[in-house]
Amino acid sequence: MSLIPVTILTGFLGSGKTTLLKRVLHESHGMKIAVIENEFGEENIDTDILKTESKEQILQMSNGCICCTIREDLREALQLLAAKRRKGLVDFERIVIETTGLADPGPVAQTFFMDEEIAETYLIDSIITLVDAKHAGQQLDTRQEARRQVGFADQIFLSKTDLVSEADKDALVHRLKHMNPRAPIRAVHFGDVPLKDVFDLRGFNLNATLNIDPDFLKEEGHDHEHVHDEHCGHDHDHGHVHDENCGHDHGHDHEHGEHCNHPHHHHHDDDVKSFVYRVDKAFDPAKLEDFLGAIVNIYGPRMLRYKGVLAMKGTDRKVIFQGVHQLMGSDLGPEWAADERRQSKMVFIGIDLPQDILRQGLDQCVVEA
């Protein structure tokens, strides 16, 4: 039996999660979806209907959807739903999990890797983060949970863009891309999203593509491409160079202008940052495994999402790896095409990750020609 796809929906209160969930639960879309809410709260959908004294309640909706509210362990709710499905008591084809507005999606995602029974039944499709354009600046400045939600995302939906200026929206998008270049960003109206843009995003697939916003790698105004050549063997990268190479540590905004000639005055030194590593040489498998294992062991709690498509000594196939926190997986992908440049690419998204240590360590894992 094929695995049941799971979408994890996250975002701060007021970002539009509730609107999106209401559509999922009530619209005549013909899909059989189970929605799991992992906390009661004022923003809860149909609170009056769902109020109950029991630990969880499964409620059949008129359009064939199921709503399951839980106050206990997510794992137990998933097992309960799977058991009821096997017995023919409920019928669903996919699951949407709404995290609370203050939740870190990490432990939710880890549930699907750490528990064998869950892993044999379900498969994470994607983590979707809704961001309220009107209040995002303040939320990102003051709440690490909001920054982590952005870092985990496979897709970012930006709501309430009609309430901010075009310049403010562009600045926010620019900031979000620096935190997470993997996730496409699209504006939506109060969480009103076509459901085809919500499901089957395959953000957790071990596939041979590493989607990084191309504009993100074409930052205008960099005057230090030689640094990229030294570290990565390429001449495009992004904001981390401001921190490492521009002669300052944190938050000295004027120095971006002086040292980096950067057109967007990046006023935020977010602790959630991303960086891209590229190299045109093959990796030594044993060295890379040892190094990544050590890094994940030390920095795993601060590593939100990471993914790579790698050229590896000893195989003509691409090696794809990705991880969440300390949990990392890899798989063999398709063969490199005869005319294809065998370039390894990795993206790391995390909280104050030591980029110099990561870069130096990865450099030492390559096979010298």
Protein backbone atom coordinates (compact mmCIF):
# COMPACT_ATOMS: atom_id res chain seq x y z
CA MET A 1 0.00 0.00 0.00
CA SER A 2 1.40 3.41 -0.90
CA LEU A 3 2.37 5.80 1.86
CA ILE A 4 -0.08 8.51 2.91
CA PRO A 5 1.28 12.00 2.09
CA VAL A 6 1.40 14.51 4.94
CA THR A 7 1.46 18.30 4.69
CA ILE A 8 2.64 20.26 7.73
CA LEU A 9 1.09 23.70 7.91
CA THR A 10 2.76 26.32 10.05
CA GLY A 11 2.78 30.08 10.53
CA PHE A 12 2.08 32.69 13.17
CA LEU A 13 -1.45 33.54 14.29
CA GLY A 14 -3.21 35.74 11.77
CA SER A 15 -1.14 34.52 8.84
CA GLY A 16 -4.04 32.77 7.13
CA LYS A 17 -3.70 29.16 8.30
CA THR A 18 -7.28 29.07 9.53
CA THR A 19 -8.69 30.31 6.21
CA LEU A 20 -6.71 27.70 4.35
CA LEU A 21 -7.83 24.94 6.71
CA LYS A 22 -11.47 25.96 6.43
CA ARG A 23 -11.19 25.64 2.67
CA VAL A 24 -9.62 22.21 3.00
CA LEU A 25 -12.33 21.02 5.36
CA HIS A 26 -15.39 22.50 3.69
CA GLU A 27 -14.75 23.09 0.00
CA SER A 28 -16.07 20.57 -2.50
CA HIS A 29 -12.66 19.56 -3.79
CA GLY A 30 -13.31 15.83 -3.97
CA MET A 31 -10.24 14.96 -1.90
CA LYS A 32 -10.39 12.83 1.22
CA ILE A 33 -8.21 14.71 3.68
CA ALA A 34 -7.67 14.23 7.39
CA VAL A 35 -6.77 17.44 9.20
CA ILE A 36 -4.95 17.14 12.51
CA GLU A 37 -4.91 20.13 14.79
CA ASN A 38 -2.28 19.75 17.42
CA GLU A 39 -3.69 22.23 19.89
CA PHE A 40 -6.96 23.82 20.90
CA GLY A 41 -6.85 27.57 20.71
CA GLU A 42 -8.94 30.59 19.94
CA GLU A 43 -7.98 30.36 16.28
CA ASN A 44 -9.26 26.81 16.11
CA ILE A 45 -11.53 26.03 13.20
CA ASP A 46 -15.14 25.44 14.12
CA THR A 47 -14.31 25.59 17.80
CA ASP A 48 -17.90 25.08 18.89
CA ILE A 49 -18.30 21.89 16.90
CA LEU A 50 -15.00 20.46 18.01
CA LYS A 51 -15.09 21.26 21.72
CA THR A 52 -14.80 18.02 23.58
CA GLU A 53 -13.55 16.70 26.86
CA SER A 54 -11.86 13.67 25.30
CA LYS A 55 -8.21 13.56 24.31
CA GLU A 56 -9.03 13.46 20.64
CA GLN A 57 -12.10 13.54 18.50
CA ILE A 58 -12.46 12.51 14.91
CA LEU A 59 -15.18 14.38 13.11
CA GLN A 60 -16.42 13.54 9.63
CA MET A 61 -17.04 16.65 7.54
CA SER A 62 -19.75 16.99 4.93
CA ASN A 63 -17.30 16.97 2.01
CA GLY A 64 -15.64 13.70 3.05
CA CYS A 65 -12.83 15.29 5.04
CA ILE A 66 -12.00 14.30 8.58
CA CYS A 67 -10.98 16.64 11.36
CA CYS A 68 -9.01 15.19 14.22
CA THR A 69 -8.15 17.35 17.21
CA ILE A 70 -5.45 16.20 19.56
CA ARG A 71 -4.22 17.30 22.93
CA GLU A 72 -1.82 14.42 23.34
CA ASP A 73 1.03 13.02 21.32
CA LEU A 74 0.97 13.50 17.56
CA ARG A 75 2.34 10.00 17.16
CA GLU A 76 -0.68 8.54 18.97
CA ALA A 77 -3.09 10.50 16.78
CA LEU A 78 -1.37 9.29 13.61
CA GLN A 79 -1.46 5.70 14.84
CA LEU A 80 -5.13 6.06 15.78
CA LEU A 81 -6.04 7.41 12.35
CA ALA A 82 -4.04 4.68 10.60
CA ALA A 83 -5.72 1.96 12.69
CA LYS A 84 -9.20 3.33 12.00
CA ARG A 85 -8.37 3.56 8.31
CA ARG A 86 -7.20 -0.06 8.19
CA LYS A 87 -10.46 -1.16 9.84
CA GLY A 88 -12.49 0.82 7.31
CA LEU A 89 -13.90 3.16 9.97
CA VAL A 90 -12.50 6.28 8.30
CA ASP A 91 -11.30 6.96 4.79
CA PHE A 92 -8.66 9.52 3.83
CA GLU A 93 -5.97 9.89 1.19
CA ARG A 94 -3.74 12.51 2.80
CA ILE A 95 -3.18 14.38 6.05
CA VAL A 96 -2.74 18.05 6.87
CA ILE A 97 -1.23 18.85 10.26
CA GLU A 98 -1.71 22.35 11.59
CA THR A 99 0.92 23.31 14.11
CA THR A 100 0.15 25.96 16.70
CA GLY A 101 1.24 29.47 15.81
CA LEU A 102 4.16 29.29 18.23
CA ALA A 103 5.32 25.82 17.24
CA ASP A 104 8.65 24.75 15.87
CA PRO A 105 7.84 22.38 12.97
CA GLY A 106 11.04 20.40 13.63
CA PRO A 107 9.72 17.90 16.18
CA VAL A 108 6.58 17.40 14.07
CA ALA A 109 8.72 16.52 11.04
CA GLN A 110 11.00 14.29 13.10
CA THR A 111 8.04 12.18 14.22
CA PHE A 112 7.85 10.78 10.68
CA PHE A 113 11.48 9.68 10.68
CA MET A 114 11.94 8.42 14.22
CA ASP A 115 8.97 6.12 14.61
CA GLU A 116 9.10 2.98 12.48
CA GLU A 117 5.35 2.41 12.46
CA ILE A 118 4.68 6.01 11.41
CA ALA A 119 7.41 5.85 8.73
CA GLU A 120 5.83 2.72 7.26
CA THR A 121 2.45 4.42 6.93
CA TYR A 122 3.09 8.11 6.19
CA LEU A 123 5.43 10.25 4.12
CA ILE A 124 5.99 13.99 4.58
CA ASP A 125 5.08 15.81 1.39
CA SER A 126 6.07 19.30 2.48
CA ILE A 127 6.19 21.92 5.19
CA ILE A 128 4.21 25.03 4.24
CA THR A 129 4.72 28.27 6.13
CA LEU A 130 2.28 31.16 5.96
CA VAL A 131 3.80 34.57 6.61
CA ASP A 132 1.73 37.66 7.45
CA ALA A 133 3.35 40.43 5.37
CA LYS A 134 1.92 43.15 7.59
CA HIS A 135 3.39 41.83 10.85
CA ALA A 136 6.22 39.61 9.64
CA GLY A 137 8.96 42.16 10.23
CA GLN A 138 8.19 42.46 13.91
CA GLN A 139 7.56 38.73 14.32
CA LEU A 140 10.83 37.80 12.63
CA ASP A 141 12.71 40.40 14.69
CA THR A 142 11.36 39.25 18.04
CA ARG A 143 10.35 35.60 17.77
CA GLN A 144 12.75 32.83 16.95
CA GLU A 145 9.78 30.50 16.34
CA ALA A 146 8.78 32.66 13.38
CA ARG A 147 12.32 32.53 11.99
CA ARG A 148 12.47 28.77 12.45
CA GLN A 149 9.13 28.34 10.66
CA VAL A 150 10.62 30.16 7.66
CA GLY A 151 13.78 28.07 7.81
CA PHE A 152 11.85 24.81 7.73
CA ALA A 153 9.56 25.73 4.84
CA ASP A 154 9.38 23.98 1.49
CA GLN A 155 6.86 26.61 0.34
CA ILE A 156 6.16 30.08 1.76
CA PHE A 157 2.80 31.77 1.26
CA LEU A 158 2.82 35.50 1.91
CA SER A 159 -0.56 36.83 3.07
CA LYS A 160 -1.82 40.41 3.53
CA THR A 161 0.51 41.81 0.90
CA ASP A 162 -2.28 44.27 0.02
CA LEU A 163 -1.71 45.93 3.40
CA VAL A 164 1.96 46.78 2.78
CA SER A 165 3.81 48.84 0.18
CA GLU A 166 5.54 47.19 -2.76
CA ALA A 167 8.91 48.26 -1.33
CA ASP A 168 8.15 46.69 2.06
CA LYS A 169 6.97 43.50 0.37
CA ASP A 170 10.14 43.32 -1.72
CA ALA A 171 12.30 43.86 1.36
CA LEU A 172 10.46 41.08 3.19
CA VAL A 173 10.83 38.68 0.27
CA HIS A 174 14.53 39.52 0.11
CA ARG A 175 14.89 38.79 3.82
CA LEU A 176 12.99 35.50 3.58
CA LYS A 177 15.17 34.35 0.67
CA HIS A 178 18.28 34.92 2.72
CA MET A 179 16.82 32.77 5.45
CA ASN A 180 15.59 30.06 3.09
CA PRO A 181 16.51 30.05 -0.61
CA ARG A 182 14.93 26.60 -1.10
CA ALA A 183 11.33 27.67 -0.59
CA PRO A 184 9.40 29.38 -3.39
CA ILE A 185 7.55 32.46 -2.11
CA ARG A 186 4.17 33.49 -3.47
CA ALA A 187 1.65 36.06 -2.38
CA VAL A 188 -1.82 34.83 -1.45
CA HIS A 189 -4.91 36.67 -0.29
CA PHE A 190 -5.61 35.85 3.36
CA GLY A 191 -4.60 32.22 2.96
CA ASP A 192 -6.83 31.75 -0.08
CA VAL A 193 -4.59 29.31 -1.93
CA PRO A 194 -5.46 26.96 -4.81
CA LEU A 195 -5.23 23.49 -3.31
CA LYS A 196 -3.05 22.32 -6.20
CA ASP A 197 -0.42 24.68 -4.79
CA VAL A 198 -0.69 23.08 -1.35
CA PHE A 199 -0.45 19.37 -2.08
CA ASP A 200 2.05 17.13 -3.88
CA LEU A 201 4.89 19.62 -3.57
CA ARG A 202 7.30 16.75 -2.84
CA GLY A 203 9.49 18.93 -0.68
CA PHE A 204 10.88 15.93 1.19
CA ASN A 205 11.56 13.81 -1.88
CA LEU A 206 15.11 12.62 -2.28
CA ASN A 207 15.17 13.84 -5.86
CA ALA A 208 18.05 14.95 -8.03
CA THR A 209 17.09 18.62 -8.11
CA LEU A 210 18.12 21.18 -5.56
CA ASN A 211 15.73 24.06 -5.99
CA ILE A 212 17.33 27.30 -4.95
CA ASP A 213 15.72 30.52 -6.08
CA PRO A 214 17.86 31.51 -9.11
CA ASP A 215 17.54 35.23 -8.39
CA PHE A 216 18.96 34.57 -4.97
CA LEU A 217 22.22 33.48 -6.55
CA LYS A 218 22.37 36.56 -8.74
CA GLU A 219 22.70 39.22 -6.07
CA GLU A 220 23.60 42.47 -7.67
CA GLY A 221 26.45 44.62 -6.51
CA HIS A 222 28.85 42.04 -5.09
CA ASP A 223 32.41 43.16 -5.50
CA HIS A 224 34.08 40.12 -4.00
CA GLU A 225 33.47 37.22 -6.35
CA HIS A 226 37.03 36.03 -5.80
CA VAL A 227 36.01 34.94 -2.32
CA HIS A 228 33.41 32.62 -3.80
CA ASP A 229 35.98 31.17 -6.16
CA GLU A 230 38.29 30.35 -3.27
CA HIS A 231 35.65 28.70 -1.15
CA CYS A 232 33.20 27.21 -3.54
CA GLY A 233 34.60 27.12 -7.02
CA HIS A 234 31.86 29.41 -8.29
CA ASP A 235 31.03 33.03 -8.54
CA HIS A 236 27.51 33.26 -7.23
CA ASP A 237 26.43 32.88 -3.69
CA HIS A 238 24.54 35.00 -1.22
CA GLY A 239 24.21 36.92 1.98
CA HIS A 240 26.51 34.91 4.19
CA VAL A 241 29.46 36.61 2.56
CA HIS A 242 28.35 39.83 4.18
CA ASP A 243 28.95 38.30 7.57
CA GLU A 244 32.17 36.46 6.77
CA ASN A 245 33.99 38.70 4.38
CA CYS A 246 32.83 42.25 4.86
CA GLY A 247 34.77 43.02 7.96
CA HIS A 248 32.00 43.01 10.51
CA ASP A 249 30.14 40.67 12.78
CA HIS A 250 26.52 41.49 13.43
CA GLY A 251 24.08 44.20 12.73
CA HIS A 252 26.37 46.96 11.50
CA ASP A 253 24.10 47.87 8.64
CA HIS A 254 26.21 50.71 7.32
CA GLU A 255 29.03 48.31 6.63
CA HIS A 256 26.95 46.48 4.07
CA GLY A 257 26.95 49.66 2.09
CA GLU A 258 30.60 50.49 2.63
CA HIS A 259 32.17 47.09 2.26
CA CYS A 260 29.77 45.14 0.14
CA ASN A 261 28.23 47.71 -2.08
CA HIS A 262 25.00 45.86 -1.56
CA PRO A 263 21.89 47.44 -3.09
CA HIS A 264 19.49 46.14 -0.44
CA HIS A 265 20.46 47.55 2.91
CA HIS A 266 19.99 44.36 4.82
CA HIS A 267 18.98 45.65 8.24
CA HIS A 268 18.42 42.26 9.81
CA ASP A 269 21.03 39.94 11.15
CA ASP A 270 18.67 37.00 11.52
CA ASP A 271 19.97 34.01 13.42
CA VAL A 272 18.26 31.75 10.86
CA LYS A 273 20.43 31.95 7.78
CA SER A 274 21.20 29.84 4.76
CA PHE A 275 24.23 29.32 2.66
CA VAL A 276 25.05 27.40 -0.46
CA TYR A 277 28.18 25.34 -0.99
CA ARG A 278 29.32 24.25 -4.43
CA VAL A 279 32.39 22.40 -5.60
CA ASP A 280 33.42 20.90 -8.94
CA LYS A 281 35.46 18.05 -7.44
CA ALA A 282 34.08 14.71 -6.28
CA PHE A 283 33.71 13.93 -2.58
CA ASP A 284 35.46 11.09 -0.80
CA PRO A 285 32.47 9.11 0.57
CA ALA A 286 34.09 8.00 3.84
CA LYS A 287 35.47 11.45 4.65
CA LEU A 288 32.18 13.16 3.84
CA GLU A 289 30.15 10.69 5.90
CA ASP A 290 32.47 11.16 8.89
CA PHE A 291 32.42 14.94 8.61
CA LEU A 292 28.64 15.30 8.15
CA GLY A 293 28.07 12.81 10.96
CA ALA A 294 30.23 14.86 13.29
CA ILE A 295 28.62 18.15 12.24
CA VAL A 296 25.10 16.78 12.69
CA ASN A 297 26.07 15.35 16.07
CA ILE A 298 27.34 18.73 17.29
CA TYR A 299 25.10 21.23 15.51
CA GLY A 300 22.02 19.10 14.72
CA PRO A 301 19.60 21.03 16.95
CA ARG A 302 20.57 24.23 15.10
CA MET A 303 20.39 22.65 11.63
CA LEU A 304 16.83 23.16 10.40
CA ARG A 305 16.92 21.85 6.83
CA TYR A 306 19.79 20.81 4.62
CA LYS A 307 19.96 19.12 1.26
CA GLY A 308 22.53 18.29 -1.38
CA VAL A 309 23.06 16.75 -4.79
CA LEU A 310 26.58 15.36 -4.75
CA ALA A 311 29.24 13.98 -7.05
CA MET A 312 30.87 11.08 -5.22
CA LYS A 313 34.06 9.18 -6.00
CA GLY A 314 33.37 5.62 -7.08
CA THR A 315 29.90 6.09 -8.58
CA ASP A 316 28.57 7.55 -11.80
CA ARG A 317 25.26 8.31 -10.09
CA LYS A 318 24.27 11.40 -8.22
CA VAL A 319 24.04 11.04 -4.46
CA ILE A 320 21.14 12.92 -2.89
CA PHE A 321 21.01 13.66 0.80
CA GLN A 322 18.82 15.76 3.04
CA GLY A 323 18.10 16.15 6.69
CA VAL A 324 16.12 17.75 9.48
CA HIS A 325 18.03 18.45 12.69
CA GLN A 326 20.03 15.31 13.54
CA LEU A 327 18.18 13.05 11.12
CA MET A 328 19.89 12.65 7.77
CA GLY A 329 19.18 10.36 4.85
CA SER A 330 20.78 9.73 1.46
CA ASP A 331 20.02 7.83 -1.70
CA LEU A 332 21.48 7.17 -5.13
CA GLY A 333 19.91 9.28 -7.86
CA PRO A 334 20.18 9.06 -11.65
CA GLU A 335 23.49 8.83 -13.49
CA TRP A 336 25.31 12.02 -14.37
CA ALA A 337 24.76 12.77 -18.05
CA ALA A 338 27.83 12.52 -20.26
CA ASP A 339 27.85 16.26 -20.96
CA GLU A 340 26.75 17.32 -17.46
CA ARG A 341 29.01 19.30 -15.16
CA ARG A 342 29.61 17.13 -12.10
CA GLN A 343 29.13 19.85 -9.55
CA SER A 344 28.13 19.10 -5.98
CA LYS A 345 25.61 21.54 -4.50
CA MET A 346 24.46 21.80 -0.91
CA VAL A 347 22.23 24.22 0.94
CA PHE A 348 22.25 24.51 4.72
CA ILE A 349 19.55 26.39 6.63
CA GLY A 350 20.08 26.80 10.33
CA ILE A 351 20.55 28.93 13.41
CA ASP A 352 23.95 30.62 13.65
CA LEU A 353 25.69 27.77 11.85
CA PRO A 354 29.50 28.07 11.73
CA GLN A 355 29.89 28.53 8.00
CA ASP A 356 33.68 28.71 8.09
CA ILE A 357 33.88 25.34 9.87
CA LEU A 358 31.39 23.79 7.45
CA ARG A 359 33.18 25.16 4.39
CA GLN A 360 36.65 24.14 5.55
CA GLY A 361 35.42 20.70 6.54
CA LEU A 362 33.67 20.14 3.22
CA ASP A 363 36.73 21.40 1.33
CA GLN A 364 38.76 18.71 3.09
CA CYS A 365 36.33 15.99 2.02
CA VAL A 366 36.88 16.46 -1.72
CA VAL A 367 39.17 14.23 -3.75
CA GLU A 368 42.09 16.18 -5.14
CA ALA A 369 42.43 15.55 -8.85
